[in-house]
Structures are given as C-alpha cells and as structure tokens.
C-alpha cells in the first residue's frame, strides 16, 4: 500500500498471465478461417462425444442384456431342471419300489393265508372238543336229550296225530333204563342209522332234526362269522 496525504489506498497488482480469448483469431488466421476451424472442432468434438456415448451405451446395453439373459436363463433352466429332476426321481422311486410292492403283496397274502389257517384250525379244535364234551355228557346223563325233545314238541303249532322220536340205539337203551315212561309217552324208537347225540322227530306233517350235531353246526357257523366277518363278506 502507498500512503498518500495521510490516507491509504489499495494497490492493484497486474495479472501474471493474460487470459486467452477463445473468440480472438490467432495471428495470421482470418476470422472466417478461425470460425471454420472453430466449427470443425465443435463438430469433431460432438461426433467424438456421440460415438463415445454410443459405444458406452452399446456396451452398457449389451452388459444389461447379457445379465438379463443370464438371469432369465438361470431361472428357466432351474425350473425346467427341477421339473425334470422330479420326474426322473419319481420314475426311479417307482422302479425301486416295484420289488418292495411285490414283496408287500406276497407278505399280505401269506398273512391272510396264515390267519385263515389259524381260524380253520381253531374252528376244528372247538368242534372236536365240543363233540367230545357232548358225548361225555350224554353218556353220563342220557336224559338230557329228553329236554330237547320236549322243547321241540312244545314248539309244534298243533298236536300231531302221529308222533315218533328216533334216537341212536345206545342212547335209546340208556333212556329206556332211566326214563321208561317218556319212552312210551313220546314213542321213542331206536335207529341204527343215527350217531350218538342225534335225534329226529317224525310226525304225519313234518320231520324235525333236533340232534346235537345240527345245533353244533349252527353254533359253529356263528363262531366262524364272528372270527372272520370280513372274509365271509368278501
């Protein structure tokens, strides 16, 4: 700063470099030539910028398209591969399970056969034991057949004019010794054709089988249905 008459003023420094003027023609170049060069430079810059932008846009679009195609291909390929894998897995499982299904079917048949055999064996055993018990009871108390005869005669709708009761020979002899009055009252008669425990009532209108074998057969049928209702229904 310089001091002038007791006052101060700002000192302005000259610029170190003069600012170039873009619109000022270069020495030796006319204004028209300068303007043409300026326009050529502008066109070149514009063309270069356009080409660069086009190249960058093309590269960016190609990259985006590649990425989108990759994503779409991955998604579609995953879906198709998953579906194909499921079908192939199901086919392999079906093929692998076929022998097991055959074994299971054979096992079911075997179990069903075993159950039927057990049922038949049980029925045979029950029938055999029951017949043996009936023989023993009739041998000890032959008059038990008379209760069956009385029950059947009472159930008749009317008193028949002709009535004959047939028993096995052995049981007739036992009853004749134990209850001779009943033998005469009901016209009990021996029959060599009837086995032990059997009894038939013959009237002028009908013939009734009231023997133990017939009753046992009915009981065994009920027992058979009870043991295997599903097999009988099938």
Foldseek 3Di string as FASTA:
>chain_A
DDADPNDDDDDDDDDPDDDDDLQDDDPPDDNVRSVVVVVVVVVVVVVVVVVVVVVVVVVVVVVVVVVVVVVVCVVVVVVVVVVVVVVVVVVVVVVVCVVVVVVVVVVVVVVVVVLVVVLVVVLVVVLVVVVVVVVVVCVVPVCVVVVLVVVVCVPDPDHFPDKEKEAAPVSVVVCCVVPVPVCVVRVYDYDPVDDHQWMWMDGPVDIDTSGPVVVVVVVSVVVSCVSCVPVVVD
